[in-house]
Amino acid sequence: MSKENNTEDKDKVLHIADVMPRIYEMKLHETEEVSQYLQIIRVAGGWIYNFKSGSEIFVPFDNEFMPY
């Protein structure tokens, strides 16, 4: 794999739908790096979406979109 491809992979931004099945399987305090801009942390009652810009959002657990 060329160095250019590695850079492209690193900069690739996943759509949140690509991560949805994985976030329901996360253990408490586990972290998922979605992109260079977004990190998801599993906490009691939901997740914290930690944006590299400095803002954080708590997303409460909801099984409506949980994969079966």
C-alpha atoms as a PDB file:
ATOM      1  CA  MET A   1       0.000   0.000   0.000  1.00  0.00           C
ATOM      2  CA  SER A   2       1.395   3.386  -0.910  1.00  0.00           C
ATOM      3  CA  LYS A   3       1.901   6.213   1.542  1.00  0.00           C
ATOM      4  CA  GLU A   4      -0.847   8.185  -0.243  1.00  0.00           C
ATOM      5  CA  ASN A   5      -3.410   5.443   0.459  1.00  0.00           C
ATOM      6  CA  ASN A   6      -2.490   5.402   4.154  1.00  0.00           C
ATOM      7  CA  THR A   7      -3.148   9.127   4.350  1.00  0.00           C
ATOM      8  CA  GLU A   8      -6.484   8.745   2.584  1.00  0.00           C
ATOM      9  CA  ASP A   9      -7.551   5.984   4.988  1.00  0.00           C
ATOM     10  CA  LYS A  10      -6.575   8.093   7.996  1.00  0.00           C
ATOM     11  CA  ASP A  11      -8.553  11.077   6.725  1.00  0.00           C
ATOM     12  CA  LYS A  12     -11.605   9.007   5.759  1.00  0.00           C
ATOM     13  CA  VAL A  13     -14.694  10.079   7.676  1.00  0.00           C
ATOM     14  CA  LEU A  14     -17.135   7.289   8.429  1.00  0.00           C
ATOM     15  CA  HIS A  15     -20.839   7.889   8.386  1.00  0.00           C
ATOM     16  CA  ILE A  16     -22.394   7.346  11.818  1.00  0.00           C
ATOM     17  CA  ALA A  17     -24.530   4.550  10.312  1.00  0.00           C
ATOM     18  CA  ASP A  18     -21.294   2.619   9.722  1.00  0.00           C
ATOM     19  CA  VAL A  19     -20.577   2.768  13.449  1.00  0.00           C
ATOM     20  CA  MET A  20     -24.094   2.165  14.825  1.00  0.00           C
ATOM     21  CA  PRO A  21     -23.886  -1.635  15.157  1.00  0.00           C
ATOM     22  CA  ARG A  22     -20.542  -1.354  16.965  1.00  0.00           C
ATOM     23  CA  ILE A  23     -21.616   1.265  19.493  1.00  0.00           C
ATOM     24  CA  TYR A  24     -24.303  -1.028  20.902  1.00  0.00           C
ATOM     25  CA  GLU A  25     -21.608  -3.653  21.549  1.00  0.00           C
ATOM     26  CA  MET A  26     -19.229  -1.286  23.337  1.00  0.00           C
ATOM     27  CA  LYS A  27     -18.294  -1.959  26.954  1.00  0.00           C
ATOM     28  CA  LEU A  28     -18.525   0.727  29.635  1.00  0.00           C
ATOM     29  CA  HIS A  29     -15.767   3.363  29.143  1.00  0.00           C
ATOM     30  CA  GLU A  30     -14.706   1.844  25.811  1.00  0.00           C
ATOM     31  CA  THR A  31     -13.755   4.334  23.096  1.00  0.00           C
ATOM     32  CA  GLU A  32     -14.409   4.171  19.350  1.00  0.00           C
ATOM     33  CA  GLU A  33     -12.462   6.481  17.028  1.00  0.00           C
ATOM     34  CA  VAL A  34     -14.916   7.288  14.247  1.00  0.00           C
ATOM     35  CA  SER A  35     -12.649   9.733  12.456  1.00  0.00           C
ATOM     36  CA  GLN A  36      -9.949  12.251  13.169  1.00  0.00           C
ATOM     37  CA  TYR A  37     -12.774  14.559  14.241  1.00  0.00           C
ATOM     38  CA  LEU A  38     -15.013  12.322  16.363  1.00  0.00           C
ATOM     39  CA  GLN A  39     -14.540   9.901  19.249  1.00  0.00           C
ATOM     40  CA  ILE A  40     -17.417   7.995  20.881  1.00  0.00           C
ATOM     41  CA  ILE A  41     -17.135   6.957  24.532  1.00  0.00           C
ATOM     42  CA  ARG A  42     -19.566   4.453  26.118  1.00  0.00           C
ATOM     43  CA  VAL A  43     -20.808   5.698  29.470  1.00  0.00           C
ATOM     44  CA  ALA A  44     -23.586   4.628  31.835  1.00  0.00           C
ATOM     45  CA  GLY A  45     -26.911   5.370  30.152  1.00  0.00           C
ATOM     46  CA  GLY A  46     -25.549   6.129  26.686  1.00  0.00           C
ATOM     47  CA  TRP A  47     -22.554   7.568  24.873  1.00  0.00           C
ATOM     48  CA  ILE A  48     -20.522  10.760  24.792  1.00  0.00           C
ATOM     49  CA  TYR A  49     -19.712  12.040  21.322  1.00  0.00           C
ATOM     50  CA  ASN A  50     -16.422  13.883  21.760  1.00  0.00           C
ATOM     51  CA  PHE A  51     -15.644  16.197  18.864  1.00  0.00           C
ATOM     52  CA  LYS A  52     -12.012  17.202  18.428  1.00  0.00           C
ATOM     53  CA  SER A  53     -13.168  20.819  18.171  1.00  0.00           C
ATOM     54  CA  GLY A  54     -13.719  20.632  21.930  1.00  0.00           C
ATOM     55  CA  SER A  55     -17.469  20.094  22.166  1.00  0.00           C
ATOM     56  CA  GLU A  56     -19.105  17.022  23.673  1.00  0.00           C
ATOM     57  CA  ILE A  57     -22.653  15.724  23.410  1.00  0.00           C
ATOM     58  CA  PHE A  58     -24.298  13.093  25.610  1.00  0.00           C
ATOM     59  CA  VAL A  59     -26.453  10.716  23.567  1.00  0.00           C
ATOM     60  CA  PRO A  60     -28.828   8.678  25.764  1.00  0.00           C
ATOM     61  CA  PHE A  61     -29.235   4.956  25.095  1.00  0.00           C
ATOM     62  CA  ASP A  62     -32.174   4.179  22.815  1.00  0.00           C
ATOM     63  CA  ASN A  63     -32.737   0.705  21.424  1.00  0.00           C
ATOM     64  CA  GLU A  64     -34.944   1.958  18.562  1.00  0.00           C
ATOM     65  CA  PHE A  65     -32.023   1.721  16.107  1.00  0.00           C
ATOM     66  CA  MET A  66     -30.340  -1.274  17.720  1.00  0.00           C
ATOM     67  CA  PRO A  67     -29.368  -3.917  15.151  1.00  0.00           C
ATOM     68  CA  TYR A  68     -31.075  -7.266  15.626  1.00  0.00           C
END
